[in-house]
Amino acid sequence: MDVFAAIAQPTRRSILEMLAGSGQLSVADIAGRFRVSPPAISQHLKVLREARLVRMQKRKQQRIYEINPQAVHDVEEWARQMTKLWNGRFDRLESLLKEQEAPSPKPRGRKGKNHAKGK
């Protein structure tokens, strides 16, 4: 599963935010915070697991989820690269617009053949 497809869904982003704030949570703790069914939350967690955004460990009969910091770092790094790229493009556009706004030099008057001195 693509990371960006996984985080495109609002419920999955909420789950990630929850885990980021709480550290580790059981499926029951996560499901208890939503108005959707526990099986639906399990499906969201499966997508997040497949995208490697979260890690799961079994403790007795519970499944405990936590953020995968490396995956979050990778998303952050991608966003940082995109920001750098777009900032460069906007800087070039701003320079171009400033060049076009600058007043152009006034044309110098030319003296034609009939305007020469003595004629």
N, C-alpha and C. Protein backbone atom coordinates (compact mmCIF):
# COMPACT_ATOMS: atom_id res chain seq x y z
N MET A 1 0.86 -1.19 0.00
CA MET A 1 0.00 0.00 0.00
C MET A 1 0.89 1.23 0.00
N ASP A 2 0.56 2.18 -0.83
CA ASP A 2 1.26 3.44 -0.92
C ASP A 2 1.00 4.27 0.34
N VAL A 3 2.04 4.86 0.89
CA VAL A 3 1.93 5.67 2.11
C VAL A 3 0.93 6.81 1.93
N PHE A 4 0.98 7.47 0.79
CA PHE A 4 0.12 8.63 0.59
C PHE A 4 -1.34 8.23 0.38
N ALA A 5 -1.56 7.08 -0.22
CA ALA A 5 -2.94 6.57 -0.32
C ALA A 5 -3.45 6.23 1.07
N ALA A 6 -2.58 5.70 1.92
CA ALA A 6 -2.99 5.34 3.28
C ALA A 6 -3.37 6.57 4.10
N ILE A 7 -2.58 7.63 3.99
CA ILE A 7 -2.88 8.82 4.81
C ILE A 7 -3.89 9.76 4.17
N ALA A 8 -4.35 9.41 2.97
CA ALA A 8 -5.36 10.25 2.31
C ALA A 8 -6.71 10.16 3.01
N GLN A 9 -6.94 9.10 3.73
CA GLN A 9 -8.24 8.87 4.38
C GLN A 9 -8.23 9.51 5.77
N PRO A 10 -9.22 10.35 6.09
CA PRO A 10 -9.23 11.08 7.36
C PRO A 10 -9.20 10.21 8.62
N THR A 11 -9.90 9.07 8.61
CA THR A 11 -9.89 8.22 9.80
C THR A 11 -8.49 7.67 10.05
N ARG A 12 -7.79 7.30 9.00
CA ARG A 12 -6.43 6.79 9.17
C ARG A 12 -5.50 7.88 9.66
N ARG A 13 -5.68 9.10 9.17
CA ARG A 13 -4.86 10.21 9.69
C ARG A 13 -5.14 10.43 11.17
N SER A 14 -6.40 10.32 11.56
CA SER A 14 -6.76 10.47 12.98
C SER A 14 -6.11 9.38 13.83
N ILE A 15 -6.09 8.18 13.31
CA ILE A 15 -5.45 7.08 14.04
C ILE A 15 -3.96 7.38 14.22
N LEU A 16 -3.32 7.85 13.16
CA LEU A 16 -1.90 8.19 13.26
C LEU A 16 -1.66 9.30 14.29
N GLU A 17 -2.53 10.30 14.28
CA GLU A 17 -2.40 11.39 15.24
C GLU A 17 -2.57 10.88 16.67
N MET A 18 -3.53 9.98 16.85
CA MET A 18 -3.75 9.38 18.17
C MET A 18 -2.52 8.64 18.65
N LEU A 19 -1.97 7.81 17.76
CA LEU A 19 -0.79 7.04 18.13
C LEU A 19 0.42 7.94 18.37
N ALA A 20 0.53 9.00 17.61
CA ALA A 20 1.64 9.93 17.81
C ALA A 20 1.54 10.59 19.19
N GLY A 21 0.33 10.86 19.63
CA GLY A 21 0.14 11.50 20.93
C GLY A 21 0.19 10.54 22.11
N SER A 22 -0.20 9.30 21.87
CA SER A 22 -0.31 8.34 22.98
C SER A 22 0.82 7.33 23.05
N GLY A 23 1.56 7.19 22.00
CA GLY A 23 2.62 6.18 21.99
C GLY A 23 2.09 4.86 21.49
N GLN A 24 1.54 4.05 22.38
CA GLN A 24 1.01 2.74 22.01
C GLN A 24 -0.44 2.64 22.46
N LEU A 25 -1.24 2.03 21.60
CA LEU A 25 -2.66 1.82 21.91
C LEU A 25 -3.10 0.46 21.41
N SER A 26 -4.02 -0.13 22.13
CA SER A 26 -4.61 -1.38 21.68
C SER A 26 -5.68 -1.08 20.63
N VAL A 27 -6.05 -2.11 19.88
CA VAL A 27 -7.11 -1.96 18.89
C VAL A 27 -8.39 -1.48 19.58
N ALA A 28 -8.69 -2.04 20.75
CA ALA A 28 -9.91 -1.65 21.48
C ALA A 28 -9.86 -0.17 21.87
N ASP A 29 -8.69 0.30 22.32
CA ASP A 29 -8.55 1.73 22.67
C ASP A 29 -8.76 2.62 21.46
N ILE A 30 -8.21 2.21 20.34
CA ILE A 30 -8.35 3.00 19.11
C ILE A 30 -9.81 2.98 18.66
N ALA A 31 -10.40 1.80 18.59
CA ALA A 31 -11.78 1.67 18.11
C ALA A 31 -12.76 2.42 19.01
N GLY A 32 -12.48 2.48 20.30
CA GLY A 32 -13.36 3.16 21.23
C GLY A 32 -13.46 4.66 21.02
N ARG A 33 -12.57 5.21 20.25
CA ARG A 33 -12.56 6.66 20.01
C ARG A 33 -13.26 7.06 18.71
N PHE A 34 -13.84 6.08 18.03
CA PHE A 34 -14.49 6.36 16.76
C PHE A 34 -15.93 5.85 16.78
N ARG A 35 -16.73 6.42 15.90
CA ARG A 35 -18.13 6.00 15.77
C ARG A 35 -18.32 4.91 14.74
N VAL A 36 -17.24 4.40 14.21
CA VAL A 36 -17.35 3.31 13.23
C VAL A 36 -17.12 1.98 13.96
N SER A 37 -17.45 0.90 13.30
CA SER A 37 -17.36 -0.42 13.93
C SER A 37 -15.90 -0.83 14.14
N PRO A 38 -15.65 -1.67 15.15
CA PRO A 38 -14.29 -2.19 15.35
C PRO A 38 -13.72 -2.89 14.11
N PRO A 39 -14.53 -3.67 13.35
CA PRO A 39 -13.97 -4.26 12.13
C PRO A 39 -13.50 -3.19 11.12
N ALA A 40 -14.21 -2.08 11.05
CA ALA A 40 -13.79 -1.00 10.14
C ALA A 40 -12.45 -0.42 10.60
N ILE A 41 -12.28 -0.24 11.91
CA ILE A 41 -11.02 0.26 12.45
C ILE A 41 -9.90 -0.75 12.17
N SER A 42 -10.21 -2.03 12.31
CA SER A 42 -9.22 -3.06 12.00
C SER A 42 -8.77 -2.98 10.55
N GLN A 43 -9.69 -2.69 9.65
CA GLN A 43 -9.32 -2.54 8.24
C GLN A 43 -8.42 -1.33 8.03
N HIS A 44 -8.73 -0.21 8.71
CA HIS A 44 -7.88 0.97 8.63
C HIS A 44 -6.48 0.66 9.16
N LEU A 45 -6.41 -0.07 10.26
CA LEU A 45 -5.11 -0.43 10.84
C LEU A 45 -4.34 -1.35 9.89
N LYS A 46 -5.05 -2.22 9.21
CA LYS A 46 -4.41 -3.11 8.24
C LYS A 46 -3.76 -2.29 7.12
N VAL A 47 -4.48 -1.29 6.62
CA VAL A 47 -3.94 -0.43 5.57
C VAL A 47 -2.70 0.30 6.08
N LEU A 48 -2.78 0.83 7.29
CA LEU A 48 -1.63 1.54 7.87
C LEU A 48 -0.44 0.60 8.07
N ARG A 49 -0.72 -0.63 8.46
CA ARG A 49 0.34 -1.64 8.62
C ARG A 49 0.98 -1.97 7.27
N GLU A 50 0.15 -2.18 6.25
CA GLU A 50 0.67 -2.51 4.92
C GLU A 50 1.51 -1.37 4.35
N ALA A 51 1.16 -0.15 4.71
CA ALA A 51 1.93 1.02 4.27
C ALA A 51 3.15 1.24 5.16
N ARG A 52 3.29 0.41 6.16
CA ARG A 52 4.39 0.45 7.14
C ARG A 52 4.42 1.74 7.95
N LEU A 53 3.27 2.37 8.10
CA LEU A 53 3.18 3.58 8.93
C LEU A 53 3.04 3.25 10.41
N VAL A 54 2.53 2.06 10.69
CA VAL A 54 2.39 1.62 12.08
C VAL A 54 2.99 0.22 12.22
N ARG A 55 3.33 -0.08 13.47
CA ARG A 55 3.81 -1.43 13.79
C ARG A 55 2.85 -2.03 14.80
N MET A 56 2.71 -3.34 14.74
CA MET A 56 1.81 -4.03 15.66
C MET A 56 2.59 -5.11 16.38
N GLN A 57 2.31 -5.24 17.66
CA GLN A 57 2.88 -6.35 18.42
C GLN A 57 1.78 -6.99 19.24
N LYS A 58 1.88 -8.27 19.40
CA LYS A 58 0.87 -9.00 20.17
C LYS A 58 1.34 -9.11 21.61
N ARG A 59 0.44 -8.75 22.51
CA ARG A 59 0.69 -8.91 23.95
C ARG A 59 -0.48 -9.70 24.51
N LYS A 60 -0.22 -10.90 24.86
CA LYS A 60 -1.27 -11.81 25.31
C LYS A 60 -2.33 -11.89 24.23
N GLN A 61 -3.53 -11.41 24.51
CA GLN A 61 -4.58 -11.47 23.49
C GLN A 61 -4.85 -10.11 22.86
N GLN A 62 -4.00 -9.14 23.15
CA GLN A 62 -4.18 -7.80 22.58
C GLN A 62 -3.20 -7.56 21.44
N ARG A 63 -3.65 -6.72 20.55
CA ARG A 63 -2.77 -6.23 19.49
C ARG A 63 -2.51 -4.76 19.79
N ILE A 64 -1.24 -4.44 19.97
CA ILE A 64 -0.84 -3.08 20.35
C ILE A 64 -0.20 -2.42 19.13
N TYR A 65 -0.64 -1.21 18.85
CA TYR A 65 -0.14 -0.47 17.70
C TYR A 65 0.67 0.74 18.15
N GLU A 66 1.68 1.06 17.33
CA GLU A 66 2.48 2.26 17.54
C GLU A 66 2.93 2.78 16.18
N ILE A 67 3.31 4.03 16.16
CA ILE A 67 3.81 4.67 14.94
C ILE A 67 5.15 4.03 14.56
N ASN A 68 5.38 3.91 13.27
CA ASN A 68 6.69 3.53 12.76
C ASN A 68 7.43 4.83 12.46
N PRO A 69 8.37 5.24 13.32
CA PRO A 69 9.01 6.55 13.14
C PRO A 69 9.77 6.68 11.82
N GLN A 70 10.34 5.60 11.31
CA GLN A 70 11.08 5.68 10.05
C GLN A 70 10.16 6.04 8.89
N ALA A 71 8.97 5.44 8.86
CA ALA A 71 8.02 5.75 7.77
C ALA A 71 7.57 7.20 7.85
N VAL A 72 7.32 7.68 9.05
CA VAL A 72 6.91 9.08 9.22
C VAL A 72 8.05 10.00 8.80
N HIS A 73 9.27 9.62 9.14
CA HIS A 73 10.44 10.40 8.73
C HIS A 73 10.54 10.45 7.20
N ASP A 74 10.29 9.33 6.54
CA ASP A 74 10.35 9.29 5.08
C ASP A 74 9.32 10.22 4.45
N VAL A 75 8.12 10.25 5.00
CA VAL A 75 7.08 11.16 4.50
C VAL A 75 7.51 12.61 4.73
N GLU A 76 8.05 12.87 5.90
CA GLU A 76 8.51 14.22 6.23
C GLU A 76 9.64 14.65 5.28
N GLU A 77 10.55 13.75 4.98
CA GLU A 77 11.65 14.06 4.07
C GLU A 77 11.13 14.35 2.67
N TRP A 78 10.17 13.57 2.21
CA TRP A 78 9.58 13.82 0.90
C TRP A 78 8.92 15.20 0.86
N ALA A 79 8.18 15.53 1.92
CA ALA A 79 7.51 16.83 1.99
C ALA A 79 8.54 17.96 2.00
N ARG A 80 9.65 17.75 2.70
CA ARG A 80 10.72 18.76 2.75
C ARG A 80 11.31 18.98 1.35
N GLN A 81 11.53 17.89 0.60
CA GLN A 81 12.06 18.01 -0.76
C GLN A 81 11.09 18.75 -1.67
N MET A 82 9.80 18.44 -1.55
CA MET A 82 8.79 19.12 -2.36
C MET A 82 8.73 20.61 -2.01
N THR A 83 8.85 20.91 -0.74
CA THR A 83 8.85 22.32 -0.30
C THR A 83 10.03 23.06 -0.91
N LYS A 84 11.20 22.44 -0.89
CA LYS A 84 12.40 23.05 -1.46
C LYS A 84 12.22 23.28 -2.96
N LEU A 85 11.70 22.28 -3.65
CA LEU A 85 11.46 22.39 -5.09
C LEU A 85 10.51 23.54 -5.40
N TRP A 86 9.37 23.57 -4.71
CA TRP A 86 8.38 24.61 -5.00
C TRP A 86 8.86 25.99 -4.57
N ASN A 87 9.60 26.08 -3.47
CA ASN A 87 10.14 27.39 -3.07
C ASN A 87 11.09 27.92 -4.14
N GLY A 88 11.89 27.04 -4.73
CA GLY A 88 12.78 27.45 -5.81
C GLY A 88 12.00 27.97 -7.01
N ARG A 89 10.94 27.27 -7.35
CA ARG A 89 10.10 27.72 -8.48
C ARG A 89 9.43 29.05 -8.19
N PHE A 90 8.93 29.21 -6.98
CA PHE A 90 8.29 30.48 -6.62
C PHE A 90 9.30 31.62 -6.59
N ASP A 91 10.53 31.35 -6.13
CA ASP A 91 11.57 32.38 -6.13
C ASP A 91 11.90 32.83 -7.55
N ARG A 92 12.00 31.86 -8.48
CA ARG A 92 12.28 32.22 -9.88
C ARG A 92 11.12 33.02 -10.48
N LEU A 93 9.90 32.63 -10.16
CA LEU A 93 8.73 33.36 -10.65
C LEU A 93 8.72 34.78 -10.10
N GLU A 94 9.04 34.92 -8.83
CA GLU A 94 9.07 36.25 -8.21
C GLU A 94 10.13 37.13 -8.88
N SER A 95 11.29 36.58 -9.18
CA SER A 95 12.34 37.34 -9.86
C SER A 95 11.88 37.78 -11.24
N LEU A 96 11.25 36.87 -11.95
CA LEU A 96 10.74 37.19 -13.29
C LEU A 96 9.70 38.30 -13.23
N LEU A 97 8.80 38.22 -12.27
CA LEU A 97 7.77 39.25 -12.15
C LEU A 97 8.37 40.60 -11.77
N LYS A 98 9.38 40.60 -10.93
CA LYS A 98 10.04 41.87 -10.57
C LYS A 98 10.74 42.49 -11.77
N GLU A 99 11.34 41.64 -12.61
CA GLU A 99 11.98 42.15 -13.83
C GLU A 99 10.95 42.79 -14.75
N GLN A 100 9.78 42.19 -14.85
CA GLN A 100 8.74 42.73 -15.73
C GLN A 100 8.11 43.99 -15.16
N GLU A 101 8.12 44.14 -13.84
CA GLU A 101 7.55 45.33 -13.21
C GLU A 101 8.49 46.52 -13.28
N ALA A 102 9.79 46.28 -13.39
CA ALA A 102 10.77 47.37 -13.41
C ALA A 102 10.50 48.25 -14.62
N PRO A 103 10.58 49.58 -14.41
CA PRO A 103 10.33 50.48 -15.55
C PRO A 103 11.40 50.28 -16.62
N SER A 104 10.94 50.22 -17.85
CA SER A 104 11.89 50.05 -18.95
C SER A 104 12.57 51.39 -19.22
N PRO A 105 13.81 51.37 -19.67
CA PRO A 105 14.51 52.63 -19.94
C PRO A 105 13.79 53.41 -21.03
N LYS A 106 13.79 54.77 -20.86
CA LYS A 106 13.12 55.62 -21.85
C LYS A 106 13.93 55.61 -23.14
N PRO A 107 13.23 55.54 -24.27
CA PRO A 107 13.95 55.55 -25.56
C PRO A 107 14.62 56.90 -25.77
N ARG A 108 15.83 56.88 -26.28
CA ARG A 108 16.56 58.12 -26.54
C ARG A 108 16.08 58.68 -27.88
N GLY A 109 15.99 59.99 -27.94
CA GLY A 109 15.59 60.62 -29.19
C GLY A 109 16.68 60.48 -30.24
N ARG A 110 16.30 60.24 -31.46
CA ARG A 110 17.25 60.12 -32.55
C ARG A 110 17.11 61.32 -33.46
N LYS A 111 18.22 61.76 -33.93
CA LYS A 111 18.19 62.85 -34.88
C LYS A 111 18.27 62.26 -36.28
N GLY A 112 17.30 62.57 -37.05
CA GLY A 112 17.29 62.07 -38.42
C GLY A 112 18.16 62.93 -39.31
N LYS A 113 18.22 62.64 -40.60
CA LYS A 113 19.03 63.37 -41.55
C LYS A 113 18.59 64.82 -41.66
N ASN A 114 17.31 65.07 -41.57
CA ASN A 114 16.80 66.43 -41.73
C ASN A 114 17.01 67.26 -40.49
N HIS A 115 17.38 66.66 -39.38
CA HIS A 115 17.54 67.41 -38.14
C HIS A 115 18.98 67.72 -37.83
N ALA A 116 19.87 67.42 -38.71
CA ALA A 116 21.29 67.67 -38.46
C ALA A 116 21.54 69.15 -38.46
N LYS A 117 22.58 69.61 -37.71
CA LYS A 117 22.89 71.04 -37.62
C LYS A 117 23.29 71.58 -38.98
N GLY A 118 22.89 72.77 -39.20
CA GLY A 118 23.27 73.46 -40.41
C GLY A 118 22.43 73.15 -41.61
N LYS A 119 21.44 72.39 -41.50
CA LYS A 119 20.62 72.07 -42.67
C LYS A 119 19.26 72.61 -42.49
